[in-house]
Amino acid sequence: MKKYRYLFIALLLTFTTSFWGCDKLLDDIELRHSLSAEEAARTAKGSDAILSGALLAVRSTFRDPGISVYKACGTDIVRDGTNLSDEPASGMPGMNSYNGSFAANSTQVLSIWDTYYSGITFANTAINGLVSSGSVDDLDPEIKDKLGQAYTMRAYLYLELVRRFGNIPIIAAADLDQGPVFEAEQRQESEVYDLIISDLETAVPLMFTRSEIGDRGVLIPSKGLANLLLAEAALDRGLYEKAAAAAEAVITDPSYSLQPLDGIFGLDGGKSGEENNAEIIFSIGFTSDIPDEVQWTSQHFMPLYDRVNGVARTMEAGGRPWSRLSPSDYYWTLFDEADGRLEAWHKTHWVFDDPEALPDGRNIGDRVEREDLEAQFGEDPIRLRYADPTTFKYYEDNTYGRTTAQAEGWRNIILFRYSHAYIAAAEAYFGQGNTGQAMTYLNVLRERAYGNVTGNFSSITLEDIVEEQARELGHEGHRWAFLKRNDLLVERVRMHNPAAAPNIESKHVRWPIPLEFIDQTGSTQNTGY
């Protein structure tokens, strides 16, 4: 079969420099100069060096302000922020509104495609280097864990790609400095999912649990991550028994426990404190020790509150606003006042705190109300949103040295949480027709949210799962895939996403395959693009 080498920057040292820091880098330079990538994979240190490339493929999307919260775009629980138009039209604006700019020539879509396939190349190298060294059973437990991490990261990256693009290539191993080798033939989605599920089932028995990993457990792929990804992939394929078993394996893993609502997304205690809490399964790490290596998620959901007279820009109020995305009106209808997640995870209002610009008749500490905005901005529909409520899940205060001038920051990005396993289990059991067990898992989360059983379901429908998924995991990047697999994406976006409602079509359940790749390989474009 004819193969094509598709080139982009995928140098081991480039990735390693920004992820591990100076001490780690020196070790890896020595290793890279003395061993081939395949040989390096057979050592714990070498495996770490190669696996850092796969991890950084995920990390790099959060370092790009134009795509950093792309996974939150284009659903029913989000709408355009007032300044989303400041980003390139072919990036997040198109991803959220599905307009004509969201096309095969999008450089942002190409960036995601390139970056994830680059990460797969690193994972392939680690896998091939380790499995070629002899029997896997004879490997040291630490090396087995590295192999499991490589399988897990490859599965994650393929899962992200197949969900977005559908029929995609499966790439062969290649030299790290040359980039991946694609077979010209695109694989059916079912074939890609077969590989993903196989990788994860292979990975699970090889890997350490988060507890066994130790202090840095949230930053390293673990058995819990592999099982949760397996549950997600199985749900996509309608393999409900497999999905339920994998979700149960996470739920019964003693590494994890549900945490108080106000600490899950907190920063108290820093990287070893709340950012390492027992509800987190996997995070992408950032550190202010490397000041230029920032992530751009922290302020994307922050409206331009500081343009309201009498409201100062402070870290306590929200820091620098960026206003790329905003929770939709529909999202707010999902919470009642007794649901503790509403106050714990959201900024529900702003108050007047600037005496020098205080409007007449208002006092310090008063809430900003709609009439205050109308008095200042008239009927301007954009400016009337400057004090909209928003999510605080990404918010970063000055714990790591951020100032009110910065939209970027260094908090870790939480990719997967323990509560996600309860949602996945509920969906899996509901798919099997076991609504009682599905309800049991939803009610665990409801009891935490309400502090008692007053919010518990007494019966459930699919709509209850759809709504609870939004309440629990909203804006964390999982909604798009959830709606797609339940055949709800087009319907719900038309109902609740104002910018996207006129544009979304059935073709949008798949993204356009990058034109540059199509041109180079002669591959088939997704229908409608």
Protein backbone atom coordinates (compact mmCIF):
# COMPACT_ATOMS: atom_id res chain seq x y z
CA MET A 1 0.00 0.00 0.00
CA LYS A 2 1.33 3.41 -0.95
CA LYS A 3 2.39 5.54 1.97
CA TYR A 4 2.86 9.28 2.40
CA ARG A 5 5.13 11.03 4.82
CA TYR A 6 3.24 14.03 6.15
CA LEU A 7 5.71 16.50 7.60
CA PHE A 8 5.47 18.83 10.55
CA ILE A 9 7.65 19.71 13.53
CA ALA A 10 7.77 16.75 15.86
CA LEU A 11 11.21 16.88 17.41
CA LEU A 12 11.70 15.01 20.66
CA LEU A 13 13.82 17.71 22.24
CA THR A 14 11.36 20.46 21.31
CA PHE A 15 8.60 18.69 23.19
CA THR A 16 10.76 17.64 26.09
CA THR A 17 12.19 21.10 26.69
CA SER A 18 8.90 22.68 27.60
CA PHE A 19 7.42 19.84 29.61
CA TRP A 20 9.96 18.52 32.01
CA GLY A 21 12.21 21.48 32.83
CA CYS A 22 15.98 21.86 32.86
CA ASP A 23 17.10 18.86 34.93
CA LYS A 24 14.91 16.49 33.00
CA LEU A 25 16.01 18.02 29.71
CA LEU A 26 19.69 17.41 30.40
CA ASP A 27 19.00 13.75 31.04
CA ASP A 28 17.02 13.47 27.82
CA ILE A 29 19.61 15.23 25.67
CA GLU A 30 22.20 12.75 26.84
CA LEU A 31 19.80 9.88 26.25
CA ARG A 32 18.72 11.07 22.81
CA HIS A 33 22.28 11.48 21.61
CA SER A 34 23.42 8.10 22.84
CA LEU A 35 20.41 5.89 22.01
CA SER A 36 17.94 5.52 19.18
CA ALA A 37 14.32 6.30 20.01
CA GLU A 38 13.51 2.59 19.93
CA GLU A 39 16.36 1.77 22.29
CA ALA A 40 15.45 4.67 24.56
CA ALA A 41 11.91 3.34 24.83
CA ARG A 42 13.21 0.24 26.60
CA THR A 43 14.41 2.26 29.60
CA ALA A 44 12.24 4.04 32.14
CA LYS A 45 13.98 7.34 31.49
CA GLY A 46 13.80 6.92 27.73
CA SER A 47 10.14 5.96 27.84
CA ASP A 48 9.38 9.09 29.83
CA ALA A 49 11.21 11.20 27.27
CA ILE A 50 9.27 9.72 24.37
CA LEU A 51 5.92 9.73 26.19
CA SER A 52 6.36 13.41 26.95
CA GLY A 53 5.80 13.98 23.23
CA ALA A 54 2.40 12.33 23.36
CA LEU A 55 1.44 14.28 26.48
CA LEU A 56 2.59 17.54 24.97
CA ALA A 57 0.47 16.95 21.90
CA VAL A 58 -2.50 17.30 24.22
CA ARG A 59 -0.92 20.12 26.19
CA SER A 60 -0.12 22.25 23.15
CA THR A 61 -3.80 22.81 22.31
CA PHE A 62 -4.22 24.64 25.62
CA ARG A 63 -1.21 26.80 24.88
CA ASP A 64 -2.82 28.18 21.72
CA PRO A 65 -5.32 30.96 22.54
CA GLY A 66 -7.10 30.35 19.24
CA ILE A 67 -8.10 26.76 20.05
CA SER A 68 -7.52 26.33 23.78
CA VAL A 69 -11.18 25.72 24.64
CA TYR A 70 -12.25 24.31 21.28
CA LYS A 71 -13.69 21.21 22.96
CA ALA A 72 -16.24 23.40 24.74
CA CYS A 73 -17.44 24.92 21.46
CA GLY A 74 -20.44 24.01 19.37
CA THR A 75 -22.81 22.51 21.93
CA ASP A 76 -26.14 23.40 23.51
CA ILE A 77 -24.67 24.70 26.78
CA VAL A 78 -22.41 27.36 25.30
CA ARG A 79 -22.80 30.47 23.18
CA ASP A 80 -20.45 33.03 21.65
CA GLY A 81 -18.75 35.27 24.16
CA THR A 82 -18.91 38.96 23.33
CA ASN A 83 -15.30 38.92 22.06
CA LEU A 84 -15.14 35.54 20.32
CA SER A 85 -14.89 37.46 17.04
CA ASP A 86 -11.39 38.55 18.09
CA GLU A 87 -10.22 35.02 17.25
CA PRO A 88 -9.63 33.82 13.66
CA ALA A 89 -12.99 33.08 12.05
CA SER A 90 -11.84 29.60 10.97
CA GLY A 91 -11.02 28.68 14.56
CA MET A 92 -13.28 28.74 17.60
CA PRO A 93 -15.81 31.18 16.08
CA GLY A 94 -16.44 28.69 13.28
CA MET A 95 -16.30 25.73 15.64
CA ASN A 96 -18.99 27.29 17.81
CA SER A 97 -21.27 28.68 15.08
CA TYR A 98 -20.70 26.12 12.26
CA ASN A 99 -20.64 28.98 9.76
CA GLY A 100 -18.92 29.05 6.37
CA SER A 101 -15.53 29.79 7.92
CA PHE A 102 -15.53 26.34 9.51
CA ALA A 103 -14.05 24.61 6.49
CA ALA A 104 -11.34 22.22 5.32
CA ASN A 105 -8.83 25.05 4.88
CA SER A 106 -9.03 26.05 8.56
CA THR A 107 -5.52 26.41 9.93
CA GLN A 108 -6.85 25.74 13.43
CA VAL A 109 -8.41 22.43 12.42
CA LEU A 110 -5.15 21.52 10.67
CA SER A 111 -3.22 22.39 13.83
CA ILE A 112 -5.32 20.02 15.94
CA TRP A 113 -5.00 17.25 13.32
CA ASP A 114 -1.22 17.70 13.00
CA THR A 115 -0.62 17.94 16.72
CA TYR A 116 -2.59 14.84 17.64
CA TYR A 117 -1.02 12.74 14.92
CA SER A 118 2.37 13.99 16.09
CA GLY A 119 1.53 12.71 19.58
CA ILE A 120 0.49 9.35 18.13
CA THR A 121 3.93 9.07 16.50
CA PHE A 122 5.57 9.37 19.91
CA ALA A 123 3.20 6.81 21.41
CA ASN A 124 3.88 4.43 18.51
CA THR A 125 7.61 4.74 19.05
CA ALA A 126 7.31 3.92 22.74
CA ILE A 127 5.02 0.95 22.05
CA ASN A 128 7.16 -0.49 19.27
CA GLY A 129 10.35 -0.03 21.23
CA LEU A 130 8.97 -1.85 24.26
CA VAL A 131 7.09 -4.71 22.63
CA SER A 132 10.06 -5.48 20.37
CA SER A 133 12.35 -5.91 23.37
CA GLY A 134 10.92 -9.33 24.25
CA SER A 135 8.00 -10.72 26.20
CA VAL A 136 5.90 -8.03 27.85
CA ASP A 137 5.42 -10.37 30.81
CA ASP A 138 9.17 -10.20 31.48
CA LEU A 139 9.30 -6.43 31.64
CA ASP A 140 9.94 -4.61 34.90
CA PRO A 141 6.65 -3.29 36.42
CA GLU A 142 7.77 0.29 35.86
CA ILE A 143 8.43 -0.39 32.19
CA LYS A 144 5.10 -2.20 31.88
CA ASP A 145 3.45 0.93 33.23
CA LYS A 146 5.23 3.06 30.61
CA LEU A 147 3.94 0.72 27.93
CA GLY A 148 0.44 1.02 29.35
CA GLN A 149 0.78 4.81 29.33
CA ALA A 150 1.80 4.72 25.67
CA TYR A 151 -1.20 2.58 24.72
CA THR A 152 -3.48 4.88 26.72
CA MET A 153 -2.17 8.08 25.16
CA ARG A 154 -2.40 6.60 21.67
CA ALA A 155 -5.98 5.58 22.38
CA TYR A 156 -6.85 9.02 23.72
CA LEU A 157 -5.43 10.81 20.70
CA TYR A 158 -7.15 8.49 18.25
CA LEU A 159 -10.39 8.87 20.18
CA GLU A 160 -10.22 12.65 19.87
CA LEU A 161 -9.53 12.36 16.15
CA VAL A 162 -12.12 9.72 15.25
CA ARG A 163 -14.85 11.53 17.17
CA ARG A 164 -14.22 14.74 15.28
CA PHE A 165 -13.24 13.51 11.82
CA GLY A 166 -14.78 10.04 11.39
CA ASN A 167 -12.88 7.91 8.87
CA ILE A 168 -9.21 8.67 9.53
CA PRO A 169 -5.84 7.06 8.79
CA ILE A 170 -4.07 4.81 11.24
CA ILE A 171 -0.41 5.71 11.07
CA ALA A 172 2.64 3.50 11.09
CA ALA A 173 5.62 4.03 13.35
CA ALA A 174 8.16 6.49 11.99
CA ASP A 175 11.34 8.28 12.92
CA LEU A 176 10.49 10.94 15.48
CA ASP A 177 12.33 13.63 13.56
CA GLN A 178 10.44 12.96 10.33
CA GLY A 179 6.82 12.89 11.43
CA PRO A 180 4.18 10.19 10.94
CA VAL A 181 3.71 7.94 7.94
CA PHE A 182 0.10 7.72 6.75
CA GLU A 183 -1.35 4.94 4.72
CA ALA A 184 -3.34 6.51 1.90
CA GLU A 185 -6.41 4.47 2.78
CA GLN A 186 -8.63 5.96 5.44
CA ARG A 187 -9.97 3.49 7.95
CA GLN A 188 -13.61 3.09 8.83
CA GLU A 189 -14.59 4.50 12.21
CA SER A 190 -15.24 0.97 13.44
CA GLU A 191 -11.65 -0.03 12.67
CA VAL A 192 -10.25 2.96 14.55
CA TYR A 193 -12.47 2.20 17.53
CA ASP A 194 -11.34 -1.43 17.45
CA LEU A 195 -7.75 -0.21 17.81
CA ILE A 196 -8.68 2.22 20.59
CA ILE A 197 -10.54 -0.41 22.59
CA SER A 198 -7.77 -2.97 22.04
CA ASP A 199 -5.12 -0.49 23.17
CA LEU A 200 -7.03 0.33 26.35
CA GLU A 201 -7.79 -3.28 27.21
CA THR A 202 -4.10 -4.02 26.73
CA ALA A 203 -3.10 -1.03 28.85
CA VAL A 204 -5.28 -1.58 31.92
CA PRO A 205 -3.47 -4.63 33.40
CA LEU A 206 -0.08 -3.04 32.75
CA MET A 207 -0.66 0.22 34.54
CA PHE A 208 -0.31 1.59 38.03
CA THR A 209 -3.28 3.15 39.79
CA ARG A 210 -3.15 6.80 40.67
CA SER A 211 -2.41 5.86 44.30
CA GLU A 212 0.52 3.71 43.23
CA ILE A 213 1.98 6.51 41.11
CA GLY A 214 2.23 8.85 44.08
CA ASP A 215 2.37 12.62 44.37
CA ARG A 216 2.36 13.38 40.63
CA GLY A 217 -0.46 10.96 39.93
CA VAL A 218 -2.83 13.46 38.34
CA LEU A 219 -0.26 14.34 35.67
CA ILE A 220 0.55 10.79 34.61
CA PRO A 221 -1.77 8.42 32.70
CA SER A 222 -3.03 5.81 35.15
CA LYS A 223 -5.21 2.70 35.23
CA GLY A 224 -8.16 4.95 36.09
CA LEU A 225 -7.66 7.02 32.96
CA ALA A 226 -7.41 3.93 30.76
CA ASN A 227 -10.62 2.52 32.22
CA LEU A 228 -12.52 5.78 31.83
CA LEU A 229 -11.39 6.14 28.21
CA LEU A 230 -12.45 2.54 27.64
CA ALA A 231 -15.90 3.35 29.01
CA GLU A 232 -16.15 6.38 26.73
CA ALA A 233 -15.02 4.51 23.61
CA ALA A 234 -17.39 1.63 24.37
CA LEU A 235 -20.28 4.06 24.83
CA ASP A 236 -19.53 5.58 21.44
CA ARG A 237 -19.86 2.12 19.90
CA GLY A 238 -22.96 1.13 21.86
CA LEU A 239 -21.05 -1.56 23.78
CA TYR A 240 -22.93 -0.91 26.98
CA GLU A 241 -21.82 -3.92 29.02
CA LYS A 242 -18.18 -3.18 28.29
CA ALA A 243 -18.72 0.49 29.10
CA ALA A 244 -20.44 -0.30 32.39
CA ALA A 245 -17.68 -2.67 33.47
CA ALA A 246 -14.98 -0.11 32.68
CA ALA A 247 -16.84 2.68 34.48
CA GLU A 248 -17.35 0.40 37.50
CA ALA A 249 -13.61 -0.28 37.55
CA VAL A 250 -13.00 3.45 37.97
CA ILE A 251 -15.72 3.87 40.59
CA THR A 252 -14.29 1.05 42.72
CA ASP A 253 -10.68 2.28 42.40
CA PRO A 254 -9.69 3.44 45.92
CA SER A 255 -7.42 6.08 44.37
CA TYR A 256 -10.44 8.31 43.93
CA SER A 257 -13.23 9.80 45.98
CA LEU A 258 -15.83 12.48 45.43
CA GLN A 259 -14.67 15.74 46.96
CA PRO A 260 -16.48 18.75 48.43
CA LEU A 261 -17.82 20.87 45.59
CA ASP A 262 -15.85 24.01 46.45
CA GLY A 263 -12.44 22.31 46.34
CA ILE A 264 -12.54 20.36 43.09
CA PHE A 265 -11.55 23.28 40.88
CA GLY A 266 -9.73 25.21 43.60
CA LEU A 267 -6.11 26.19 43.91
CA ASP A 268 -5.58 26.15 47.69
CA GLY A 269 -2.30 24.44 48.43
CA GLY A 270 -1.15 24.73 44.85
CA LYS A 271 0.03 21.82 42.74
CA SER A 272 0.21 19.48 45.75
CA GLY A 273 -3.04 20.79 47.22
CA GLU A 274 -6.41 21.15 45.54
CA GLU A 275 -4.89 20.74 42.10
CA ASN A 276 -3.99 17.24 43.24
CA ASN A 277 -7.32 16.41 44.89
CA ALA A 278 -8.67 12.86 44.93
CA GLU A 279 -11.41 13.53 42.39
CA ILE A 280 -9.00 14.28 39.56
CA ILE A 281 -8.14 11.36 37.30
CA PHE A 282 -5.92 13.18 34.83
CA SER A 283 -4.69 16.74 34.33
CA ILE A 284 -2.35 18.42 31.90
CA GLY A 285 0.30 20.20 33.94
CA PHE A 286 1.56 23.77 33.80
CA THR A 287 3.94 25.55 36.12
CA SER A 288 4.97 29.16 36.65
CA ASP A 289 8.52 27.85 37.09
CA ILE A 290 8.56 28.04 33.29
CA PRO A 291 6.89 31.46 32.89
CA ASP A 292 6.55 31.39 29.10
CA GLU A 293 4.81 28.01 29.07
CA VAL A 294 1.29 29.27 29.72
CA GLN A 295 -2.19 27.95 29.12
CA TRP A 296 -4.96 30.12 27.72
CA THR A 297 -8.10 28.65 29.24
CA SER A 298 -8.38 30.64 32.45
CA GLN A 299 -10.19 33.72 31.15
CA HIS A 300 -11.99 32.50 28.04
CA PHE A 301 -15.31 32.32 29.89
CA MET A 302 -14.91 35.66 31.68
CA PRO A 303 -17.23 38.45 30.42
CA LEU A 304 -16.08 42.06 30.16
CA TYR A 305 -17.36 42.92 33.62
CA ASP A 306 -14.75 45.65 34.17
CA ARG A 307 -16.39 47.81 31.50
CA VAL A 308 -19.38 48.27 33.78
CA ASN A 309 -19.18 51.58 35.66
CA GLY A 310 -18.41 50.97 39.30
CA VAL A 311 -16.97 47.46 38.82
CA ALA A 312 -13.19 47.25 39.08
CA ARG A 313 -10.95 44.67 37.48
CA THR A 314 -9.58 42.68 40.42
CA MET A 315 -8.39 39.14 40.88
CA GLU A 316 -11.23 38.57 43.34
CA ALA A 317 -13.82 39.69 40.78
CA GLY A 318 -12.40 37.58 37.95
CA GLY A 319 -9.09 38.95 36.73
CA ARG A 320 -8.63 40.03 33.14
CA PRO A 321 -11.73 39.26 31.06
CA TRP A 322 -11.34 37.58 27.66
CA SER A 323 -14.96 36.71 26.78
CA ARG A 324 -14.52 34.09 24.06
CA LEU A 325 -17.31 31.80 25.27
CA SER A 326 -20.28 32.05 27.61
CA PRO A 327 -22.67 29.51 29.11
CA SER A 328 -25.93 29.47 27.17
CA ASP A 329 -29.26 30.60 28.57
CA TYR A 330 -30.37 26.95 28.48
CA TYR A 331 -27.46 25.94 30.70
CA TRP A 332 -28.69 28.16 33.53
CA THR A 333 -32.18 26.64 33.39
CA LEU A 334 -30.71 23.27 34.43
CA PHE A 335 -29.89 24.36 38.00
CA ASP A 336 -32.20 25.08 40.87
CA GLU A 337 -31.08 27.14 43.84
CA ALA A 338 -30.61 24.11 46.10
CA ASP A 339 -28.06 22.56 43.74
CA GLY A 340 -24.72 23.37 45.34
CA ARG A 341 -22.91 23.20 42.02
CA LEU A 342 -24.52 26.48 40.99
CA GLU A 343 -22.70 28.57 43.60
CA ALA A 344 -19.58 26.43 43.91
CA TRP A 345 -18.66 26.28 40.23
CA HIS A 346 -20.01 29.54 38.85
CA LYS A 347 -19.70 33.28 39.13
CA THR A 348 -23.40 34.12 39.36
CA HIS A 349 -23.17 37.92 39.74
CA TRP A 350 -20.91 40.95 40.09
CA VAL A 351 -21.02 43.70 42.69
CA PHE A 352 -20.11 47.37 42.64
CA ASP A 353 -16.67 47.79 44.21
CA ASP A 354 -15.13 50.87 42.57
CA PRO A 355 -16.07 54.07 44.47
CA GLU A 356 -14.51 56.35 41.87
CA ALA A 357 -16.85 55.19 39.08
CA LEU A 358 -19.92 54.24 41.12
CA PRO A 359 -23.19 55.09 39.32
CA ASP A 360 -25.61 57.44 41.04
CA GLY A 361 -27.87 55.70 43.52
CA ARG A 362 -25.69 52.59 43.85
CA ASN A 363 -23.58 51.60 46.85
CA ILE A 364 -20.43 49.54 47.25
CA GLY A 365 -21.46 45.90 47.58
CA ASP A 366 -24.71 46.24 45.62
CA ARG A 367 -25.28 43.65 42.92
CA VAL A 368 -25.03 44.73 39.30
CA GLU A 369 -28.53 44.38 37.86
CA ARG A 370 -29.95 44.48 34.36
CA GLU A 371 -31.20 48.04 34.85
CA ASP A 372 -27.65 49.17 35.67
CA LEU A 373 -26.44 47.83 32.34
CA GLU A 374 -29.34 49.39 30.47
CA ALA A 375 -28.64 52.74 32.11
CA GLN A 376 -25.04 52.63 30.87
CA PHE A 377 -25.33 50.82 27.55
CA GLY A 378 -28.90 51.34 26.41
CA GLU A 379 -30.25 48.46 24.34
CA ASP A 380 -26.89 47.29 22.93
CA PRO A 381 -27.29 43.47 23.00
CA ILE A 382 -23.55 42.85 23.24
CA ARG A 383 -22.76 45.25 26.06
CA LEU A 384 -25.79 44.14 28.03
CA ARG A 385 -23.94 40.82 28.45
CA TYR A 386 -20.92 42.37 30.16
CA ALA A 387 -22.06 41.10 33.57
CA ASP A 388 -23.41 37.72 32.48
CA PRO A 389 -22.92 34.82 34.92
CA THR A 390 -20.24 32.34 33.95
CA THR A 391 -18.40 29.18 34.89
CA PHE A 392 -15.47 29.34 37.31
CA LYS A 393 -14.11 25.88 36.48
CA TYR A 394 -11.13 27.31 34.59
CA TYR A 395 -10.59 30.39 36.73
CA GLU A 396 -7.12 31.11 38.09
CA ASP A 397 -6.38 33.63 40.81
CA ASN A 398 -2.91 34.95 41.69
CA THR A 399 -1.71 31.70 43.31
CA TYR A 400 0.89 31.27 40.58
CA GLY A 401 1.64 34.95 40.06
CA ARG A 402 -1.02 35.94 37.56
CA THR A 403 -1.88 39.62 37.48
CA THR A 404 -4.98 41.48 36.31
CA ALA A 405 -3.10 42.25 33.06
CA GLN A 406 -2.82 38.57 32.08
CA ALA A 407 -5.43 36.37 30.42
CA GLU A 408 -3.04 33.43 30.40
CA GLY A 409 -2.00 31.35 33.42
CA TRP A 410 -0.45 28.22 34.89
CA ARG A 411 -3.18 26.22 36.55
CA ASN A 412 -3.40 22.60 35.46
CA ILE A 413 -6.09 21.64 32.96
CA ILE A 414 -8.37 18.95 34.36
CA LEU A 415 -9.24 16.55 31.55
CA PHE A 416 -11.05 13.83 33.49
CA ARG A 417 -12.66 13.63 36.92
CA TYR A 418 -13.96 10.77 39.04
CA SER A 419 -17.56 11.98 38.77
CA HIS A 420 -17.31 11.41 35.02
CA ALA A 421 -17.27 7.65 35.73
CA TYR A 422 -20.66 7.94 37.46
CA ILE A 423 -22.15 9.71 34.44
CA ALA A 424 -20.63 7.11 32.11
CA ALA A 425 -21.92 4.25 34.24
CA ALA A 426 -25.42 5.76 34.29
CA GLU A 427 -25.39 6.09 30.51
CA ALA A 428 -24.11 2.54 30.09
CA TYR A 429 -26.69 0.96 32.40
CA PHE A 430 -29.47 3.00 30.84
CA GLY A 431 -28.35 1.71 27.45
CA GLN A 432 -28.77 -1.83 28.79
CA GLY A 433 -32.27 -1.03 30.02
CA ASN A 434 -31.22 -1.09 33.69
CA THR A 435 -32.69 2.27 34.65
CA GLY A 436 -32.56 1.47 38.35
CA GLN A 437 -28.77 1.11 38.39
CA ALA A 438 -28.41 4.13 36.14
CA MET A 439 -30.49 6.18 38.57
CA THR A 440 -28.42 4.96 41.52
CA TYR A 441 -25.25 6.39 39.99
CA LEU A 442 -26.87 9.70 39.10
CA ASN A 443 -28.21 10.00 42.64
CA VAL A 444 -24.72 9.68 44.11
CA LEU A 445 -23.84 12.91 42.34
CA ARG A 446 -27.19 14.48 43.21
CA GLU A 447 -26.69 13.80 46.91
CA ARG A 448 -23.33 15.53 46.80
CA ALA A 449 -24.83 18.47 44.92
CA TYR A 450 -27.74 18.93 47.31
CA GLY A 451 -26.09 17.76 50.52
CA ASN A 452 -28.98 15.37 51.13
CA VAL A 453 -31.46 13.18 49.24
CA THR A 454 -33.95 15.95 48.43
CA GLY A 455 -32.62 16.25 44.90
CA ASN A 456 -32.56 12.53 44.16
CA PHE A 457 -34.40 11.08 41.18
CA SER A 458 -37.20 8.61 41.80
CA SER A 459 -37.22 7.59 38.14
CA ILE A 460 -35.21 8.65 35.12
CA THR A 461 -35.38 9.05 31.37
CA LEU A 462 -32.59 9.70 28.87
CA GLU A 463 -33.33 13.40 29.24
CA ASP A 464 -32.37 13.21 32.92
CA ILE A 465 -28.97 11.80 31.95
CA VAL A 466 -28.58 14.47 29.26
CA GLU A 467 -29.28 17.23 31.78
CA GLU A 468 -27.20 15.74 34.61
CA GLN A 469 -24.24 15.34 32.27
CA ALA A 470 -24.43 19.07 31.57
CA ARG A 471 -24.78 20.02 35.23
CA GLU A 472 -21.87 17.86 36.37
CA LEU A 473 -19.42 18.06 33.44
CA GLY A 474 -20.51 21.26 31.72
CA HIS A 475 -17.76 23.23 29.94
CA GLU A 476 -15.11 20.60 30.72
CA GLY A 477 -14.89 19.50 27.07
CA HIS A 478 -17.08 16.37 27.06
CA ARG A 479 -20.47 17.66 25.91
CA TRP A 480 -19.88 17.60 22.14
CA ALA A 481 -19.00 13.89 22.02
CA PHE A 482 -21.81 13.03 24.44
CA LEU A 483 -24.43 14.76 22.28
CA LYS A 484 -23.01 13.27 19.09
CA ARG A 485 -23.17 9.67 20.26
CA ASN A 486 -26.73 10.12 21.49
CA ASP A 487 -27.79 11.65 18.14
CA LEU A 488 -28.64 14.93 19.85
CA LEU A 489 -25.95 17.32 18.61
CA VAL A 490 -27.81 18.95 15.74
CA GLU A 491 -31.16 19.03 17.54
CA ARG A 492 -29.88 20.54 20.79
CA VAL A 493 -27.57 23.07 19.15
CA ARG A 494 -30.48 24.33 17.05
CA MET A 495 -32.52 24.70 20.19
CA HIS A 496 -30.00 26.38 22.49
CA ASN A 497 -26.91 27.84 20.75
CA PRO A 498 -27.98 31.17 19.17
CA ALA A 499 -24.99 31.66 16.85
CA ALA A 500 -25.01 28.07 15.62
CA ALA A 501 -28.74 27.44 15.33
CA PRO A 502 -29.12 28.81 11.77
CA ASN A 503 -26.01 27.05 10.48
CA ILE A 504 -25.64 23.58 11.93
CA GLU A 505 -26.42 20.69 9.58
CA SER A 506 -26.19 16.92 9.77
CA LYS A 507 -22.72 17.07 8.18
CA HIS A 508 -21.36 18.86 11.24
CA VAL A 509 -21.30 15.70 13.36
CA ARG A 510 -17.95 15.29 11.58
CA TRP A 511 -15.37 17.98 11.11
CA PRO A 512 -13.78 18.68 7.72
CA ILE A 513 -10.59 16.73 7.16
CA PRO A 514 -7.78 19.28 6.61
CA LEU A 515 -7.44 20.27 2.96
CA GLU A 516 -3.66 20.11 3.11
CA PHE A 517 -3.85 16.43 4.04
CA ILE A 518 -6.47 15.74 1.35
CA ASP A 519 -4.31 17.44 -1.29
CA GLN A 520 -1.17 15.52 -0.31
CA THR A 521 -2.73 12.08 0.00
CA GLY A 522 -5.78 12.08 -2.25
CA SER A 523 -7.90 10.99 0.70
CA THR A 524 -11.69 11.36 0.77
CA GLN A 525 -13.22 14.47 2.32
CA ASN A 526 -16.14 14.13 4.70
CA THR A 527 -19.53 14.59 3.07
CA GLY A 528 -20.67 18.19 2.74
CA TYR A 529 -17.29 19.90 2.91
